[in-house]
Amino acid sequence: MRFRGCIMVLSGIAALAAAAAPAQADIKIGVVQYSRLMQESPQGKAAQDALRNEFSSKQKELQGQQQALKSKEESYQRDSATMTGDQRTQMEKELREGNRQLSVRVNEYQDDFNARQNEELSKLQKTLVEEVQAYAQAQKFDLVLGDNGVLFAGQALDITPQILTALQARGPRAAAPASPAPGASSATGTGSKGSAPAK
């Protein structure tokens, strides 16, 4: 859907780009499916494999702990009727503690995985953007759009200097002094004189 949206707005962007760079006869615009690059590029697959290999052993440990806890719960359900009160109490305590420990480990695993995933995604995004920009410059593109916005814009389309010039021409606007509240001066004057106490 995002890629279709980029295609739909290309005509409008081309018109704006032409207005920003009137000296150019043709504006060369490209569209990149950025999400596809992340999923199908060798660099993207390498990042996915690195995460999978790093966390596979931890995932297996959690799955084993979860299965052991499930077996223990099934055993309790099956044998609780023949247990003594003390045995049931002990088993219930062990099950509660097992669930608590599993929950803590799952949360720690998820936090570690998310942190590493963000690191890998950040490095991958940097690599992909640099590759897109290098290709765009080599192929003399003026504008390259991705799923979420502009990935490359040529110097001819950059109107930042013109905007800065316009802002500098306006100059800083001094804040208007605050006007005194109505009647403030007369009230102050009256209060300062005051009437002498009657004798």
C-alpha atoms as a PDB file:
ATOM      1  CA  MET A   1       0.000   0.000   0.000  1.00  0.00           C
ATOM      2  CA  ARG A   2       2.824   2.427   0.812  1.00  0.00           C
ATOM      3  CA  PHE A   3       4.488   1.721  -2.525  1.00  0.00           C
ATOM      4  CA  ARG A   4       1.231   2.453  -4.363  1.00  0.00           C
ATOM      5  CA  GLY A   5       0.912   5.678  -2.403  1.00  0.00           C
ATOM      6  CA  CYS A   6       4.358   6.750  -3.570  1.00  0.00           C
ATOM      7  CA  ILE A   7       3.401   6.074  -7.174  1.00  0.00           C
ATOM      8  CA  MET A   8       0.152   8.048  -6.837  1.00  0.00           C
ATOM      9  CA  VAL A   9       1.898  11.180  -5.599  1.00  0.00           C
ATOM     10  CA  LEU A  10       4.774  11.079  -8.092  1.00  0.00           C
ATOM     11  CA  SER A  11       3.076  13.398 -10.550  1.00  0.00           C
ATOM     12  CA  GLY A  12       2.549  16.043  -7.897  1.00  0.00           C
ATOM     13  CA  ILE A  13       6.104  15.721  -6.623  1.00  0.00           C
ATOM     14  CA  ALA A  14       7.454  15.940 -10.144  1.00  0.00           C
ATOM     15  CA  ALA A  15       5.615  19.218 -10.626  1.00  0.00           C
ATOM     16  CA  LEU A  16       7.029  20.600  -7.369  1.00  0.00           C
ATOM     17  CA  ALA A  17      10.493  19.391  -8.270  1.00  0.00           C
ATOM     18  CA  ALA A  18      10.267  21.092 -11.646  1.00  0.00           C
ATOM     19  CA  ALA A  19       9.280  24.339  -9.954  1.00  0.00           C
ATOM     20  CA  ALA A  20      12.207  24.015  -7.539  1.00  0.00           C
ATOM     21  CA  ALA A  21      14.673  23.407 -10.381  1.00  0.00           C
ATOM     22  CA  PRO A  22      13.408  25.317 -13.413  1.00  0.00           C
ATOM     23  CA  ALA A  23      16.798  25.196 -15.120  1.00  0.00           C
ATOM     24  CA  GLN A  24      16.529  21.462 -15.637  1.00  0.00           C
ATOM     25  CA  ALA A  25      14.588  20.192 -18.643  1.00  0.00           C
ATOM     26  CA  ASP A  26      13.764  16.803 -17.081  1.00  0.00           C
ATOM     27  CA  ILE A  27      13.505  15.685 -13.465  1.00  0.00           C
ATOM     28  CA  LYS A  28      14.634  12.102 -12.891  1.00  0.00           C
ATOM     29  CA  ILE A  29      12.707  10.475 -10.036  1.00  0.00           C
ATOM     30  CA  GLY A  30      13.022   6.951  -8.654  1.00  0.00           C
ATOM     31  CA  VAL A  31      11.016   4.920  -6.129  1.00  0.00           C
ATOM     32  CA  VAL A  32      12.518   2.277  -3.822  1.00  0.00           C
ATOM     33  CA  GLN A  33      10.570  -0.396  -1.954  1.00  0.00           C
ATOM     34  CA  TYR A  34      12.639   0.046   1.193  1.00  0.00           C
ATOM     35  CA  SER A  35      10.883  -2.736   3.112  1.00  0.00           C
ATOM     36  CA  ARG A  36      11.733  -5.153   0.295  1.00  0.00           C
ATOM     37  CA  LEU A  37      15.390  -4.176   0.465  1.00  0.00           C
ATOM     38  CA  MET A  38      15.406  -4.954   4.184  1.00  0.00           C
ATOM     39  CA  GLN A  39      13.837  -8.388   3.675  1.00  0.00           C
ATOM     40  CA  GLU A  40      15.457  -9.592   0.444  1.00  0.00           C
ATOM     41  CA  SER A  41      18.903  -7.997   0.329  1.00  0.00           C
ATOM     42  CA  PRO A  42      21.905 -10.152   1.385  1.00  0.00           C
ATOM     43  CA  GLN A  43      22.611  -7.627   4.125  1.00  0.00           C
ATOM     44  CA  GLY A  44      19.040  -7.889   5.427  1.00  0.00           C
ATOM     45  CA  LYS A  45      19.106 -11.693   5.386  1.00  0.00           C
ATOM     46  CA  ALA A  46      22.498 -11.672   7.133  1.00  0.00           C
ATOM     47  CA  ALA A  47      21.067  -9.498   9.928  1.00  0.00           C
ATOM     48  CA  GLN A  48      18.110 -11.855  10.342  1.00  0.00           C
ATOM     49  CA  ASP A  49      20.408 -14.901  10.426  1.00  0.00           C
ATOM     50  CA  ALA A  50      22.683 -13.245  12.987  1.00  0.00           C
ATOM     51  CA  LEU A  51      19.754 -12.618  15.342  1.00  0.00           C
ATOM     52  CA  ARG A  52      18.376 -16.117  14.816  1.00  0.00           C
ATOM     53  CA  ASN A  53      21.726 -17.770  15.574  1.00  0.00           C
ATOM     54  CA  GLU A  54      22.406 -15.557  18.588  1.00  0.00           C
ATOM     55  CA  PHE A  55      19.083 -16.222  20.297  1.00  0.00           C
ATOM     56  CA  SER A  56      18.236 -19.767  19.162  1.00  0.00           C
ATOM     57  CA  SER A  57      19.875 -21.421  22.183  1.00  0.00           C
ATOM     58  CA  LYS A  58      18.092 -19.140  24.642  1.00  0.00           C
ATOM     59  CA  GLN A  59      14.814 -19.780  22.879  1.00  0.00           C
ATOM     60  CA  LYS A  60      15.311 -23.537  23.144  1.00  0.00           C
ATOM     61  CA  GLU A  61      16.091 -23.211  26.858  1.00  0.00           C
ATOM     62  CA  LEU A  62      12.865 -21.300  27.435  1.00  0.00           C
ATOM     63  CA  GLN A  63      10.879 -23.829  25.440  1.00  0.00           C
ATOM     64  CA  GLY A  64      12.390 -26.647  27.530  1.00  0.00           C
ATOM     65  CA  GLN A  65      11.586 -24.841  30.773  1.00  0.00           C
ATOM     66  CA  GLN A  66       8.047 -24.194  29.587  1.00  0.00           C
ATOM     67  CA  GLN A  67       7.546 -27.849  28.638  1.00  0.00           C
ATOM     68  CA  ALA A  68       8.894 -29.059  31.998  1.00  0.00           C
ATOM     69  CA  LEU A  69       6.536 -26.725  33.830  1.00  0.00           C
ATOM     70  CA  LYS A  70       3.613 -27.913  31.729  1.00  0.00           C
ATOM     71  CA  SER A  71       4.415 -31.559  32.521  1.00  0.00           C
ATOM     72  CA  LYS A  72       4.587 -30.728  36.217  1.00  0.00           C
ATOM     73  CA  GLU A  73       1.201 -29.002  36.086  1.00  0.00           C
ATOM     74  CA  GLU A  74      -0.328 -32.014  34.307  1.00  0.00           C
ATOM     75  CA  SER A  75       1.144 -34.319  36.948  1.00  0.00           C
ATOM     76  CA  TYR A  76      -0.360 -32.188  39.697  1.00  0.00           C
ATOM     77  CA  GLN A  77      -3.773 -32.243  38.044  1.00  0.00           C
ATOM     78  CA  ARG A  78      -3.579 -36.014  37.674  1.00  0.00           C
ATOM     79  CA  ASP A  79      -2.264 -36.905  41.139  1.00  0.00           C
ATOM     80  CA  SER A  80      -3.562 -34.133  43.396  1.00  0.00           C
ATOM     81  CA  ALA A  81      -6.506 -36.254  44.571  1.00  0.00           C
ATOM     82  CA  THR A  82      -4.143 -38.854  46.080  1.00  0.00           C
ATOM     83  CA  MET A  83      -1.697 -36.345  47.587  1.00  0.00           C
ATOM     84  CA  THR A  84      -1.597 -35.341  51.207  1.00  0.00           C
ATOM     85  CA  GLY A  85      -2.335 -31.749  52.108  1.00  0.00           C
ATOM     86  CA  ASP A  86       1.358 -31.001  52.611  1.00  0.00           C
ATOM     87  CA  GLN A  87       2.253 -32.520  49.249  1.00  0.00           C
ATOM     88  CA  ARG A  88      -0.366 -30.445  47.455  1.00  0.00           C
ATOM     89  CA  THR A  89       0.810 -27.290  49.204  1.00  0.00           C
ATOM     90  CA  GLN A  90       4.427 -27.990  48.268  1.00  0.00           C
ATOM     91  CA  MET A  91       3.548 -28.770  44.647  1.00  0.00           C
ATOM     92  CA  GLU A  92       1.432 -25.611  44.300  1.00  0.00           C
ATOM     93  CA  LYS A  93       4.302 -23.561  45.720  1.00  0.00           C
ATOM     94  CA  GLU A  94       6.734 -25.103  43.219  1.00  0.00           C
ATOM     95  CA  LEU A  95       4.355 -24.408  40.340  1.00  0.00           C
ATOM     96  CA  ARG A  96       3.907 -20.769  41.341  1.00  0.00           C
ATOM     97  CA  GLU A  97       7.661 -20.295  41.635  1.00  0.00           C
ATOM     98  CA  GLY A  98       8.226 -22.043  38.305  1.00  0.00           C
ATOM     99  CA  ASN A  99       5.732 -19.783  36.540  1.00  0.00           C
ATOM    100  CA  ARG A 100       7.300 -16.705  38.140  1.00  0.00           C
ATOM    101  CA  GLN A 101      10.812 -17.683  37.051  1.00  0.00           C
ATOM    102  CA  LEU A 102       9.643 -18.500  33.531  1.00  0.00           C
ATOM    103  CA  SER A 103       7.877 -15.142  33.229  1.00  0.00           C
ATOM    104  CA  VAL A 104      11.020 -13.302  34.363  1.00  0.00           C
ATOM    105  CA  ARG A 105      13.211 -15.178  31.882  1.00  0.00           C
ATOM    106  CA  VAL A 106      10.784 -14.616  29.004  1.00  0.00           C
ATOM    107  CA  ASN A 107      10.714 -10.871  29.714  1.00  0.00           C
ATOM    108  CA  GLU A 108      14.512 -10.720  29.903  1.00  0.00           C
ATOM    109  CA  TYR A 109      14.781 -12.648  26.642  1.00  0.00           C
ATOM    110  CA  GLN A 110      12.335 -10.306  24.907  1.00  0.00           C
ATOM    111  CA  ASP A 111      14.161  -7.202  26.165  1.00  0.00           C
ATOM    112  CA  ASP A 112      17.533  -8.550  25.014  1.00  0.00           C
ATOM    113  CA  PHE A 113      16.150  -9.578  21.638  1.00  0.00           C
ATOM    114  CA  ASN A 114      14.483  -6.201  21.033  1.00  0.00           C
ATOM    115  CA  ALA A 115      17.676  -4.339  21.941  1.00  0.00           C
ATOM    116  CA  ARG A 116      19.805  -6.430  19.582  1.00  0.00           C
ATOM    117  CA  GLN A 117      17.189  -6.238  16.835  1.00  0.00           C
ATOM    118  CA  ASN A 118      17.205  -2.442  17.056  1.00  0.00           C
ATOM    119  CA  GLU A 119      21.005  -2.433  16.800  1.00  0.00           C
ATOM    120  CA  GLU A 120      20.972  -4.652  13.715  1.00  0.00           C
ATOM    121  CA  LEU A 121      18.165  -2.650  12.088  1.00  0.00           C
ATOM    122  CA  SER A 122      20.000   0.602  12.699  1.00  0.00           C
ATOM    123  CA  LYS A 123      23.153  -0.716  11.007  1.00  0.00           C
ATOM    124  CA  LEU A 124      21.131  -2.197   8.147  1.00  0.00           C
ATOM    125  CA  GLN A 125      19.205   1.021   7.544  1.00  0.00           C
ATOM    126  CA  LYS A 126      22.440   3.005   7.419  1.00  0.00           C
ATOM    127  CA  THR A 127      23.876   0.566   4.855  1.00  0.00           C
ATOM    128  CA  LEU A 128      20.756   0.625   2.680  1.00  0.00           C
ATOM    129  CA  VAL A 129      20.394   4.406   2.688  1.00  0.00           C
ATOM    130  CA  GLU A 130      24.060   4.871   1.788  1.00  0.00           C
ATOM    131  CA  GLU A 131      23.660   2.391  -1.094  1.00  0.00           C
ATOM    132  CA  VAL A 132      20.532   4.135  -2.388  1.00  0.00           C
ATOM    133  CA  GLN A 133      22.223   7.528  -2.232  1.00  0.00           C
ATOM    134  CA  ALA A 134      25.375   6.270  -3.976  1.00  0.00           C
ATOM    135  CA  TYR A 135      23.304   4.688  -6.735  1.00  0.00           C
ATOM    136  CA  ALA A 136      21.155   7.807  -7.122  1.00  0.00           C
ATOM    137  CA  GLN A 137      24.205  10.020  -7.499  1.00  0.00           C
ATOM    138  CA  ALA A 138      25.913   7.655  -9.937  1.00  0.00           C
ATOM    139  CA  GLN A 139      22.756   7.371 -12.074  1.00  0.00           C
ATOM    140  CA  LYS A 140      22.073  11.114 -11.808  1.00  0.00           C
ATOM    141  CA  PHE A 141      18.683  10.877 -10.120  1.00  0.00           C
ATOM    142  CA  ASP A 142      17.240  14.122  -8.809  1.00  0.00           C
ATOM    143  CA  LEU A 143      14.873  12.537  -6.286  1.00  0.00           C
ATOM    144  CA  VAL A 144      14.453   9.047  -4.805  1.00  0.00           C
ATOM    145  CA  LEU A 145      11.456   8.155  -2.657  1.00  0.00           C
ATOM    146  CA  GLY A 146      11.156   5.277  -0.185  1.00  0.00           C
ATOM    147  CA  ASP A 147       8.248   3.747   1.688  1.00  0.00           C
ATOM    148  CA  ASN A 148       8.306   6.477   4.318  1.00  0.00           C
ATOM    149  CA  GLY A 149       9.655   9.509   2.537  1.00  0.00           C
ATOM    150  CA  VAL A 150      12.634  10.932   0.668  1.00  0.00           C
ATOM    151  CA  LEU A 151      15.818   8.823   0.559  1.00  0.00           C
ATOM    152  CA  PHE A 152      17.768  11.111  -1.765  1.00  0.00           C
ATOM    153  CA  ALA A 153      17.345  14.621  -3.145  1.00  0.00           C
ATOM    154  CA  GLY A 154      19.778  16.322  -5.498  1.00  0.00           C
ATOM    155  CA  GLN A 155      21.261  19.734  -4.812  1.00  0.00           C
ATOM    156  CA  ALA A 156      19.142  21.303  -7.536  1.00  0.00           C
ATOM    157  CA  LEU A 157      15.979  20.454  -5.588  1.00  0.00           C
ATOM    158  CA  ASP A 158      17.250  21.779  -2.265  1.00  0.00           C
ATOM    159  CA  ILE A 159      15.533  25.108  -1.531  1.00  0.00           C
ATOM    160  CA  THR A 160      16.894  25.387   2.018  1.00  0.00           C
ATOM    161  CA  PRO A 161      19.217  28.316   1.128  1.00  0.00           C
ATOM    162  CA  GLN A 162      16.302  30.268  -0.371  1.00  0.00           C
ATOM    163  CA  ILE A 163      14.166  29.667   2.709  1.00  0.00           C
ATOM    164  CA  LEU A 164      17.016  30.779   4.955  1.00  0.00           C
ATOM    165  CA  THR A 165      17.439  33.937   2.881  1.00  0.00           C
ATOM    166  CA  ALA A 166      13.734  34.708   3.197  1.00  0.00           C
ATOM    167  CA  LEU A 167      13.830  34.166   6.963  1.00  0.00           C
ATOM    168  CA  GLN A 168      16.919  36.360   7.317  1.00  0.00           C
ATOM    169  CA  ALA A 169      15.199  39.104   5.317  1.00  0.00           C
ATOM    170  CA  ARG A 170      12.332  39.115   7.768  1.00  0.00           C
ATOM    171  CA  GLY A 171      14.746  39.355  10.679  1.00  0.00           C
ATOM    172  CA  PRO A 172      14.019  38.543  14.305  1.00  0.00           C
ATOM    173  CA  ARG A 173      10.757  39.829  15.685  1.00  0.00           C
ATOM    174  CA  ALA A 174      11.111  41.514  19.063  1.00  0.00           C
ATOM    175  CA  ALA A 175       8.470  40.598  21.558  1.00  0.00           C
ATOM    176  CA  ALA A 176       6.031  43.455  22.234  1.00  0.00           C
ATOM    177  CA  PRO A 177       6.287  44.861  25.797  1.00  0.00           C
ATOM    178  CA  ALA A 178       3.494  43.805  28.051  1.00  0.00           C
ATOM    179  CA  SER A 179       0.945  46.591  28.603  1.00  0.00           C
ATOM    180  CA  PRO A 180       0.017  47.382  32.217  1.00  0.00           C
ATOM    181  CA  ALA A 181      -3.331  46.250  33.471  1.00  0.00           C
ATOM    182  CA  PRO A 182      -6.086  48.909  33.280  1.00  0.00           C
ATOM    183  CA  GLY A 183      -6.176  51.090  36.390  1.00  0.00           C
ATOM    184  CA  ALA A 184      -2.971  49.654  37.783  1.00  0.00           C
ATOM    185  CA  SER A 185      -1.097  53.002  37.874  1.00  0.00           C
ATOM    186  CA  SER A 186      -3.955  54.977  39.434  1.00  0.00           C
ATOM    187  CA  ALA A 187      -4.514  52.320  42.031  1.00  0.00           C
ATOM    188  CA  THR A 188      -0.812  52.289  42.873  1.00  0.00           C
ATOM    189  CA  GLY A 189      -0.699  56.055  43.125  1.00  0.00           C
ATOM    190  CA  THR A 190      -3.684  56.217  45.417  1.00  0.00           C
ATOM    191  CA  GLY A 191      -2.279  53.545  47.629  1.00  0.00           C
ATOM    192  CA  SER A 192       1.082  55.286  47.986  1.00  0.00           C
ATOM    193  CA  LYS A 193      -0.363  58.592  49.185  1.00  0.00           C
ATOM    194  CA  GLY A 194      -2.813  57.214  51.713  1.00  0.00           C
ATOM    195  CA  SER A 195      -4.879  59.333  54.118  1.00  0.00           C
ATOM    196  CA  ALA A 196      -3.645  60.311  57.542  1.00  0.00           C
ATOM    197  CA  PRO A 197      -5.418  58.637  60.463  1.00  0.00           C
ATOM    198  CA  ALA A 198      -7.984  60.790  62.197  1.00  0.00           C
ATOM    199  CA  LYS A 199      -7.030  61.988  65.627  1.00  0.00           C
END
